[in-house]
C-alpha atoms as a PDB file:
ATOM      1  CA  UNK A   1      -4.425  23.206  36.448  1.00  0.00           C
ATOM      2  CA  UNK A   2      -1.914  21.111  38.382  1.00  0.00           C
ATOM      3  CA  UNK A   3      -0.232  18.333  36.465  1.00  0.00           C
ATOM      4  CA  UNK A   4      -0.077  14.896  38.148  1.00  0.00           C
ATOM      5  CA  UNK A   5       3.289  14.091  39.627  1.00  0.00           C
ATOM      6  CA  UNK A   6       5.022  11.232  37.824  1.00  0.00           C
ATOM      7  CA  UNK A   7       6.099   8.324  39.959  1.00  0.00           C
ATOM      8  CA  UNK A   8       9.346   6.399  39.753  1.00  0.00           C
ATOM      9  CA  UNK A   9       9.655   4.406  36.540  1.00  0.00           C
ATOM     10  CA  UNK A  10      10.592   0.710  36.910  1.00  0.00           C
ATOM     11  CA  UNK A  11      14.077  -0.103  35.686  1.00  0.00           C
ATOM     12  CA  UNK A  12      15.319   3.465  36.223  1.00  0.00           C
ATOM     13  CA  UNK A  13      18.093   4.677  38.515  1.00  0.00           C
ATOM     14  CA  UNK A  14      17.613   8.041  40.227  1.00  0.00           C
ATOM     15  CA  UNK A  15      20.827   9.646  41.440  1.00  0.00           C
ATOM     16  CA  UNK A  16      19.449  11.728  44.318  1.00  0.00           C
ATOM     17  CA  UNK A  17      21.310  14.356  46.329  1.00  0.00           C
ATOM     18  CA  UNK A  18      19.933  14.487  49.862  1.00  0.00           C
ATOM     19  CA  UNK A  19      21.829  17.584  50.947  1.00  0.00           C
ATOM     20  CA  UNK A  20      24.506  17.979  53.627  1.00  0.00           C
ATOM     21  CA  UNK A  21      22.702  16.624  56.681  1.00  0.00           C
ATOM     22  CA  UNK A  22      19.502  18.413  57.608  1.00  0.00           C
ATOM     23  CA  UNK A  23      16.773  16.321  55.912  1.00  0.00           C
ATOM     24  CA  UNK A  24      14.582  19.412  55.525  1.00  0.00           C
ATOM     25  CA  UNK A  25      17.080  20.713  52.952  1.00  0.00           C
ATOM     26  CA  UNK A  26      16.047  17.974  50.515  1.00  0.00           C
ATOM     27  CA  UNK A  27      14.159  19.021  47.413  1.00  0.00           C
ATOM     28  CA  UNK A  28      10.547  18.012  46.978  1.00  0.00           C
ATOM     29  CA  UNK A  29      11.534  15.824  44.029  1.00  0.00           C
ATOM     30  CA  UNK A  30      14.186  14.034  46.061  1.00  0.00           C
ATOM     31  CA  UNK A  31      11.696  13.307  48.889  1.00  0.00           C
ATOM     32  CA  UNK A  32       9.101  12.035  46.406  1.00  0.00           C
ATOM     33  CA  UNK A  33      11.535   9.671  44.703  1.00  0.00           C
ATOM     34  CA  UNK A  34      12.826   8.269  48.003  1.00  0.00           C
ATOM     35  CA  UNK A  35       9.214   7.573  49.013  1.00  0.00           C
ATOM     36  CA  UNK A  36       8.474   5.743  45.749  1.00  0.00           C
ATOM     37  CA  UNK A  37      11.653   3.656  45.424  1.00  0.00           C
ATOM     38  CA  UNK A  38      11.781  -0.134  45.491  1.00  0.00           C
ATOM     39  CA  UNK A  39      15.457  -0.072  46.445  1.00  0.00           C
ATOM     40  CA  UNK A  40      17.594   2.647  48.031  1.00  0.00           C
ATOM     41  CA  UNK A  41      21.392   2.346  47.799  1.00  0.00           C
ATOM     42  CA  UNK A  42      22.827   4.800  50.307  1.00  0.00           C
ATOM     43  CA  UNK A  43      26.093   6.034  51.807  1.00  0.00           C
ATOM     44  CA  UNK A  44      26.792   6.966  55.418  1.00  0.00           C
ATOM     45  CA  UNK A  45      26.362  10.638  54.483  1.00  0.00           C
ATOM     46  CA  UNK A  46      22.949  12.074  53.832  1.00  0.00           C
ATOM     47  CA  UNK A  47      20.878   9.104  55.007  1.00  0.00           C
ATOM     48  CA  UNK A  48      20.073  10.187  58.565  1.00  0.00           C
ATOM     49  CA  UNK A  49      16.388  11.073  58.680  1.00  0.00           C
ATOM     50  CA  UNK A  50      16.026  10.654  54.907  1.00  0.00           C
ATOM     51  CA  UNK A  51      15.470   6.906  54.999  1.00  0.00           C
ATOM     52  CA  UNK A  52      12.436   7.548  57.210  1.00  0.00           C
ATOM     53  CA  UNK A  53      10.710   8.728  54.040  1.00  0.00           C
ATOM     54  CA  UNK A  54      11.109   5.330  52.348  1.00  0.00           C
ATOM     55  CA  UNK A  55       8.277   2.816  51.935  1.00  0.00           C
ATOM     56  CA  UNK A  56       8.199   0.209  54.723  1.00  0.00           C
ATOM     57  CA  UNK A  57       8.823  -2.537  52.154  1.00  0.00           C
ATOM     58  CA  UNK A  58      11.659  -0.760  50.334  1.00  0.00           C
ATOM     59  CA  UNK A  59      14.972  -2.581  50.269  1.00  0.00           C
ATOM     60  CA  UNK A  60      17.831  -0.535  51.742  1.00  0.00           C
ATOM     61  CA  UNK A  61      21.402  -1.380  50.753  1.00  0.00           C
ATOM     62  CA  UNK A  62      24.296   0.292  52.567  1.00  0.00           C
ATOM     63  CA  UNK A  63      27.182   1.082  50.255  1.00  0.00           C
ATOM     64  CA  UNK A  64      29.498   2.616  52.852  1.00  0.00           C
ATOM     65  CA  UNK A  65      31.848   5.156  51.267  1.00  0.00           C
ATOM     66  CA  UNK A  66      33.422   6.488  54.437  1.00  0.00           C
ATOM     67  CA  UNK A  67      36.964   7.838  54.235  1.00  0.00           C
ATOM     68  CA  UNK A  68      39.327   4.863  53.697  1.00  0.00           C
ATOM     69  CA  UNK A  69      36.527   2.466  54.619  1.00  0.00           C
ATOM     70  CA  UNK A  70      34.366   1.529  51.653  1.00  0.00           C
ATOM     71  CA  UNK A  71      31.851  -1.231  52.346  1.00  0.00           C
ATOM     72  CA  UNK A  72      31.507  -1.641  48.559  1.00  0.00           C
ATOM     73  CA  UNK A  73      34.192  -0.524  46.092  1.00  0.00           C
ATOM     74  CA  UNK A  74      32.986   2.021  43.561  1.00  0.00           C
ATOM     75  CA  UNK A  75      33.055  -0.508  40.695  1.00  0.00           C
ATOM     76  CA  UNK A  76      30.799  -2.867  42.655  1.00  0.00           C
ATOM     77  CA  UNK A  77      28.346  -0.054  43.391  1.00  0.00           C
ATOM     78  CA  UNK A  78      28.200   0.752  39.690  1.00  0.00           C
ATOM     79  CA  UNK A  79      27.510  -2.884  38.818  1.00  0.00           C
ATOM     80  CA  UNK A  80      24.925  -3.185  41.603  1.00  0.00           C
ATOM     81  CA  UNK A  81      22.923  -0.256  40.189  1.00  0.00           C
ATOM     82  CA  UNK A  82      22.916  -1.844  36.735  1.00  0.00           C
ATOM     83  CA  UNK A  83      21.831  -5.211  38.130  1.00  0.00           C
ATOM     84  CA  UNK A  84      18.987  -3.778  40.181  1.00  0.00           C
ATOM     85  CA  UNK A  85      17.681  -1.710  37.292  1.00  0.00           C
ATOM     86  CA  UNK A  86      17.760  -4.736  34.982  1.00  0.00           C
ATOM     87  CA  UNK A  87      15.520  -6.505  37.525  1.00  0.00           C
ATOM     88  CA  UNK A  88      12.921  -3.806  36.884  1.00  0.00           C
ATOM     89  CA  UNK A  89      13.426  -2.095  40.235  1.00  0.00           C
ATOM     90  CA  UNK A  90      12.843   1.567  40.906  1.00  0.00           C
ATOM     91  CA  UNK A  91      16.285   2.436  42.262  1.00  0.00           C
ATOM     92  CA  UNK A  92      17.299   5.524  44.213  1.00  0.00           C
ATOM     93  CA  UNK A  93      21.032   6.027  44.593  1.00  0.00           C
ATOM     94  CA  UNK A  94      21.060   8.312  47.604  1.00  0.00           C
ATOM     95  CA  UNK A  95      24.055  10.595  48.086  1.00  0.00           C
ATOM     96  CA  UNK A  96      24.878  13.256  50.629  1.00  0.00           C
ATOM     97  CA  UNK A  97      25.174  16.785  49.260  1.00  0.00           C
ATOM     98  CA  UNK A  98      25.037  16.990  45.463  1.00  0.00           C
ATOM     99  CA  UNK A  99      25.833  13.927  43.315  1.00  0.00           C
ATOM    100  CA  UNK A 100      27.896  15.955  40.831  1.00  0.00           C
ATOM    101  CA  UNK A 101      30.089  17.827  43.341  1.00  0.00           C
ATOM    102  CA  UNK A 102      32.674  15.358  44.638  1.00  0.00           C
ATOM    103  CA  UNK A 103      29.960  12.734  44.846  1.00  0.00           C
ATOM    104  CA  UNK A 104      31.227  10.415  42.065  1.00  0.00           C
ATOM    105  CA  UNK A 105      27.876  10.774  40.383  1.00  0.00           C
ATOM    106  CA  UNK A 106      29.502  11.108  36.988  1.00  0.00           C
ATOM    107  CA  UNK A 107      31.309   7.792  37.398  1.00  0.00           C
ATOM    108  CA  UNK A 108      28.126   5.965  38.334  1.00  0.00           C
ATOM    109  CA  UNK A 109      25.984   7.226  35.500  1.00  0.00           C
ATOM    110  CA  UNK A 110      28.771   6.594  32.994  1.00  0.00           C
ATOM    111  CA  UNK A 111      28.331   2.911  33.809  1.00  0.00           C
ATOM    112  CA  UNK A 112      24.533   3.211  33.594  1.00  0.00           C
ATOM    113  CA  UNK A 113      24.790   4.904  30.177  1.00  0.00           C
ATOM    114  CA  UNK A 114      27.172   2.227  28.891  1.00  0.00           C
ATOM    115  CA  UNK A 115      24.652  -0.426  29.871  1.00  0.00           C
ATOM    116  CA  UNK A 116      21.613   1.331  28.440  1.00  0.00           C
ATOM    117  CA  UNK A 117      20.027   1.944  31.860  1.00  0.00           C
ATOM    118  CA  UNK A 118      17.659   4.950  32.066  1.00  0.00           C
ATOM    119  CA  UNK A 119      18.670   7.408  34.764  1.00  0.00           C
ATOM    120  CA  UNK A 120      17.900  10.850  36.189  1.00  0.00           C
ATOM    121  CA  UNK A 121      20.004  13.128  38.360  1.00  0.00           C
ATOM    122  CA  UNK A 122      18.374  15.115  41.164  1.00  0.00           C
ATOM    123  CA  UNK A 123      20.670  17.878  42.447  1.00  0.00           C
ATOM    124  CA  UNK A 124      21.024  18.530  46.167  1.00  0.00           C
ATOM    125  CA  UNK A 125      22.362  21.291  48.372  1.00  0.00           C
ATOM    126  CA  UNK A 126      26.102  20.745  48.245  1.00  0.00           C
ATOM    127  CA  UNK A 127      28.034  20.535  51.505  1.00  0.00           C
ATOM    128  CA  UNK A 128      29.954  23.764  50.937  1.00  0.00           C
ATOM    129  CA  UNK A 129      26.801  25.835  50.581  1.00  0.00           C
ATOM    130  CA  UNK A 130      24.909  24.098  53.390  1.00  0.00           C
ATOM    131  CA  UNK A 131      27.753  24.054  55.877  1.00  0.00           C
ATOM    132  CA  UNK A 132      28.800  27.619  55.144  1.00  0.00           C
ATOM    133  CA  UNK A 133      25.233  28.850  55.624  1.00  0.00           C
ATOM    134  CA  UNK A 134      24.652  26.966  58.859  1.00  0.00           C
ATOM    135  CA  UNK A 135      28.057  27.922  60.225  1.00  0.00           C
ATOM    136  CA  UNK A 136      27.551  31.636  59.567  1.00  0.00           C
ATOM    137  CA  UNK A 137      30.283  31.790  56.908  1.00  0.00           C
ATOM    138  CA  UNK A 138      29.086  33.355  53.621  1.00  0.00           C
ATOM    139  CA  UNK A 139      31.112  31.846  50.781  1.00  0.00           C
ATOM    140  CA  UNK A 140      31.017  35.135  48.876  1.00  0.00           C
ATOM    141  CA  UNK A 141      30.887  38.688  50.180  1.00  0.00           C
ATOM    142  CA  UNK A 142      31.527  41.952  48.361  1.00  0.00           C
ATOM    143  CA  UNK A 143      34.061  43.084  50.967  1.00  0.00           C
ATOM    144  CA  UNK A 144      35.891  39.773  51.181  1.00  0.00           C
ATOM    145  CA  UNK A 145      35.468  37.274  48.376  1.00  0.00           C
ATOM    146  CA  UNK A 146      34.611  37.665  44.687  1.00  0.00           C
ATOM    147  CA  UNK A 147      35.484  34.072  43.782  1.00  0.00           C
ATOM    148  CA  UNK A 148      34.509  30.772  45.398  1.00  0.00           C
ATOM    149  CA  UNK A 149      36.435  27.597  44.610  1.00  0.00           C
ATOM    150  CA  UNK A 150      35.578  24.016  45.550  1.00  0.00           C
ATOM    151  CA  UNK A 151      38.563  21.697  45.801  1.00  0.00           C
ATOM    152  CA  UNK A 152      39.170  18.143  46.902  1.00  0.00           C
ATOM    153  CA  UNK A 153      41.634  17.423  49.655  1.00  0.00           C
ATOM    154  CA  UNK A 154      42.039  13.818  48.570  1.00  0.00           C
ATOM    155  CA  UNK A 155      42.809  12.851  44.956  1.00  0.00           C
ATOM    156  CA  UNK A 156      42.162   9.403  43.505  1.00  0.00           C
ATOM    157  CA  UNK A 157      45.809   8.405  43.983  1.00  0.00           C
ATOM    158  CA  UNK A 158      45.761   9.600  47.597  1.00  0.00           C
ATOM    159  CA  UNK A 159      47.869  12.713  46.958  1.00  0.00           C
ATOM    160  CA  UNK A 160      46.958  16.395  47.315  1.00  0.00           C
ATOM    161  CA  UNK A 161      48.640  17.566  44.114  1.00  0.00           C
ATOM    162  CA  UNK A 162      46.620  20.684  43.333  1.00  0.00           C
ATOM    163  CA  UNK A 163      47.150  24.051  41.605  1.00  0.00           C
ATOM    164  CA  UNK A 164      48.325  25.789  44.755  1.00  0.00           C
ATOM    165  CA  UNK A 165      49.159  29.048  42.972  1.00  0.00           C
ATOM    166  CA  UNK A 166      45.515  29.376  41.924  1.00  0.00           C
ATOM    167  CA  UNK A 167      44.177  28.305  45.335  1.00  0.00           C
ATOM    168  CA  UNK A 168      46.399  30.787  47.232  1.00  0.00           C
ATOM    169  CA  UNK A 169      45.101  33.905  45.483  1.00  0.00           C
ATOM    170  CA  UNK A 170      43.640  36.663  47.679  1.00  0.00           C
ATOM    171  CA  UNK A 171      40.020  37.775  47.364  1.00  0.00           C
ATOM    172  CA  UNK A 172      38.553  34.304  47.159  1.00  0.00           C
ATOM    173  CA  UNK A 173      37.063  31.561  49.319  1.00  0.00           C
ATOM    174  CA  UNK A 174      38.368  28.010  48.956  1.00  0.00           C
ATOM    175  CA  UNK A 175      36.353  25.095  50.316  1.00  0.00           C
ATOM    176  CA  UNK A 176      38.121  21.760  50.659  1.00  0.00           C
ATOM    177  CA  UNK A 177      36.038  18.587  50.615  1.00  0.00           C
ATOM    178  CA  UNK A 178      37.637  15.465  52.158  1.00  0.00           C
ATOM    179  CA  UNK A 179      40.556  17.488  53.461  1.00  0.00           C
ATOM    180  CA  UNK A 180      40.731  16.700  57.177  1.00  0.00           C
ATOM    181  CA  UNK A 181      43.465  14.086  56.834  1.00  0.00           C
ATOM    182  CA  UNK A 182      45.574  16.429  54.733  1.00  0.00           C
ATOM    183  CA  UNK A 183      44.806  19.682  56.599  1.00  0.00           C
ATOM    184  CA  UNK A 184      48.420  20.203  57.624  1.00  0.00           C
ATOM    185  CA  UNK A 185      49.715  19.926  54.074  1.00  0.00           C
ATOM    186  CA  UNK A 186      46.894  22.074  52.699  1.00  0.00           C
ATOM    187  CA  UNK A 187      47.746  24.901  55.105  1.00  0.00           C
ATOM    188  CA  UNK A 188      51.469  24.563  54.486  1.00  0.00           C
ATOM    189  CA  UNK A 189      51.045  24.666  50.712  1.00  0.00           C
ATOM    190  CA  UNK A 190      48.776  27.710  50.817  1.00  0.00           C
ATOM    191  CA  UNK A 191      51.275  29.562  52.991  1.00  0.00           C
ATOM    192  CA  UNK A 192      54.191  28.471  50.801  1.00  0.00           C
ATOM    193  CA  UNK A 193      52.378  29.895  47.773  1.00  0.00           C
ATOM    194  CA  UNK A 194      51.692  33.309  49.188  1.00  0.00           C
ATOM    195  CA  UNK A 195      48.933  33.374  51.819  1.00  0.00           C
ATOM    196  CA  UNK A 196      49.964  34.638  55.297  1.00  0.00           C
ATOM    197  CA  UNK A 197      49.831  32.401  58.346  1.00  0.00           C
ATOM    198  CA  UNK A 198      47.182  34.762  59.754  1.00  0.00           C
ATOM    199  CA  UNK A 199      44.801  34.087  56.846  1.00  0.00           C
ATOM    200  CA  UNK A 200      41.440  33.010  58.366  1.00  0.00           C
ATOM    201  CA  UNK A 201      40.396  29.360  58.154  1.00  0.00           C
ATOM    202  CA  UNK A 202      37.659  27.188  59.608  1.00  0.00           C
ATOM    203  CA  UNK A 203      36.472  23.624  59.758  1.00  0.00           C
ATOM    204  CA  UNK A 204      32.810  22.594  59.943  1.00  0.00           C
ATOM    205  CA  UNK A 205      32.044  19.086  61.181  1.00  0.00           C
ATOM    206  CA  UNK A 206      28.628  17.419  60.727  1.00  0.00           C
ATOM    207  CA  UNK A 207      27.405  20.600  59.066  1.00  0.00           C
ATOM    208  CA  UNK A 208      23.659  21.437  59.164  1.00  0.00           C
ATOM    209  CA  UNK A 209      22.989  18.668  61.697  1.00  0.00           C
ATOM    210  CA  UNK A 210      22.382  18.816  65.446  1.00  0.00           C
ATOM    211  CA  UNK A 211      25.971  17.636  65.903  1.00  0.00           C
ATOM    212  CA  UNK A 212      27.466  20.538  63.969  1.00  0.00           C
ATOM    213  CA  UNK A 213      30.768  21.858  65.296  1.00  0.00           C
ATOM    214  CA  UNK A 214      32.596  24.916  63.986  1.00  0.00           C
ATOM    215  CA  UNK A 215      36.252  25.591  64.734  1.00  0.00           C
ATOM    216  CA  UNK A 216      37.811  28.823  63.477  1.00  0.00           C
ATOM    217  CA  UNK A 217      41.518  29.541  63.380  1.00  0.00           C
ATOM    218  CA  UNK A 218      44.029  30.596  60.710  1.00  0.00           C
ATOM    219  CA  UNK A 219      46.357  28.804  58.317  1.00  0.00           C
ATOM    220  CA  UNK A 220      49.144  28.775  60.888  1.00  0.00           C
ATOM    221  CA  UNK A 221      47.056  27.042  63.570  1.00  0.00           C
ATOM    222  CA  UNK A 222      44.202  25.222  61.794  1.00  0.00           C
ATOM    223  CA  UNK A 223      45.802  21.762  61.715  1.00  0.00           C
ATOM    224  CA  UNK A 224      46.643  22.013  65.410  1.00  0.00           C
ATOM    225  CA  UNK A 225      43.116  23.149  66.271  1.00  0.00           C
ATOM    226  CA  UNK A 226      41.620  20.255  64.275  1.00  0.00           C
ATOM    227  CA  UNK A 227      43.750  17.794  66.273  1.00  0.00           C
ATOM    228  CA  UNK A 228      42.967  19.437  69.626  1.00  0.00           C
ATOM    229  CA  UNK A 229      39.225  19.412  68.925  1.00  0.00           C
ATOM    230  CA  UNK A 230      39.265  15.783  67.710  1.00  0.00           C
ATOM    231  CA  UNK A 231      37.619  16.741  64.420  1.00  0.00           C
ATOM    232  CA  UNK A 232      37.020  13.795  62.121  1.00  0.00           C
ATOM    233  CA  UNK A 233      35.130  13.427  58.841  1.00  0.00           C
ATOM    234  CA  UNK A 234      32.596  14.355  57.720  1.00  0.00           C
ATOM    235  CA  UNK A 235      33.960  17.876  57.820  1.00  0.00           C
ATOM    236  CA  UNK A 236      34.779  20.724  55.431  1.00  0.00           C
ATOM    237  CA  UNK A 237      37.628  23.181  55.504  1.00  0.00           C
ATOM    238  CA  UNK A 238      36.834  26.789  54.520  1.00  0.00           C
ATOM    239  CA  UNK A 239      39.710  29.171  53.775  1.00  0.00           C
ATOM    240  CA  UNK A 240      39.219  32.915  53.293  1.00  0.00           C
ATOM    241  CA  UNK A 241      38.624  36.209  55.040  1.00  0.00           C
ATOM    242  CA  UNK A 242      34.864  35.464  55.020  1.00  0.00           C
ATOM    243  CA  UNK A 243      35.660  33.246  58.013  1.00  0.00           C
ATOM    244  CA  UNK A 244      36.248  36.413  60.063  1.00  0.00           C
ATOM    245  CA  UNK A 245      32.475  37.034  59.888  1.00  0.00           C
ATOM    246  CA  UNK A 246      31.563  33.743  61.564  1.00  0.00           C
ATOM    247  CA  UNK A 247      31.339  34.963  65.154  1.00  0.00           C
ATOM    248  CA  UNK A 248      28.944  37.733  64.109  1.00  0.00           C
ATOM    249  CA  UNK A 249      26.817  35.742  61.654  1.00  0.00           C
ATOM    250  CA  UNK A 250      26.505  32.343  63.336  1.00  0.00           C
ATOM    251  CA  UNK A 251      22.836  31.578  63.879  1.00  0.00           C
ATOM    252  CA  UNK A 252      22.306  27.819  63.880  1.00  0.00           C
ATOM    253  CA  UNK A 253      22.364  25.575  66.914  1.00  0.00           C
ATOM    254  CA  UNK A 254      23.589  28.103  69.456  1.00  0.00           C
ATOM    255  CA  UNK A 255      24.095  25.265  71.945  1.00  0.00           C
ATOM    256  CA  UNK A 256      26.449  23.352  69.642  1.00  0.00           C
ATOM    257  CA  UNK A 257      30.146  23.365  70.406  1.00  0.00           C
ATOM    258  CA  UNK A 258      31.671  26.465  68.838  1.00  0.00           C
ATOM    259  CA  UNK A 259      35.323  27.168  69.314  1.00  0.00           C
ATOM    260  CA  UNK A 260      37.386  30.138  68.295  1.00  0.00           C
ATOM    261  CA  UNK A 261      41.078  30.843  68.564  1.00  0.00           C
ATOM    262  CA  UNK A 262      42.628  34.115  67.545  1.00  0.00           C
ATOM    263  CA  UNK A 263      46.311  34.623  67.004  1.00  0.00           C
ATOM    264  CA  UNK A 264      47.994  36.362  69.903  1.00  0.00           C
ATOM    265  CA  UNK A 265      50.982  38.606  69.545  1.00  0.00           C
END
C-alpha cells in the first residue's frame, strides 16, 4: 500500500539540489518540494526550467551567487532563510548541483541549526557527475582512473593554495569547480608537480544544458584554449586520461559546439 507523500512543513527550510542544468535530472523529492514551497530562494545556477514547477503564487527571491558578483552576501542569505522560516513559510533554498559539494550548504544549515530552524537536505546530481556524463567523459575507468577527486579552483581567500602533490598523481581524475579564472595557474601547478604538459584536460561549459560546450586540450594548452573559445563560468575543468575518451563517447547534443585540439609535434 502506497504511503501518502508528506508536503512541505511550515517554518521549515529545504536545501534542495536541482542538479547541474537539465531540469529532468532533479529528484522526485526535489520537484515535489519546489512545487509545494511558499518561498524559493535561488541562485543563477540550477533555476532554469526548475522554477516552472513552482506554484503561481510562490514568492521567488534571487540570491545571485555568480562568480565575483553576489546579489546577496552569504551572511545575508543565511539570515534571510532564518527570517522566512520564522514567518512560518515553507522555504526551498534551491541550489545548482548538490548543496553539500561546493554549494555552501553546510554554512547555511549551520545558521539554521544555531537558530533552531527545522531543515532538510535534498541531494542533487553534482556538476562533476552530470557534466562528465553529458560530455562523454567517464570520471572513473578501469584503464585510466581508479581515483576521482573534486577540488575547488577558488578558495575563500581568493587563492588556489591546494595540495598539488596529491592532485598531480597519475591514475586519477581531478575535477575543478570554479576554476576557470585560475585555469592557467592550475595547469602550471599540476605540471610543476609532475604531470606532463601532454596530460589530457577538458572544460565543460553549461554542462547538461542545450548550451553545453566541451573543449578538450592538454595541460600545456588548456588555458589558451579556454581564452580562445571565450569560455566563462559556469564551467568545470576535468583533468585526467579519461578525457582521451571524449571524442568516442560523446553522445549529448551532437549539434552543440564541440572543439578538440591535439598536440602536434
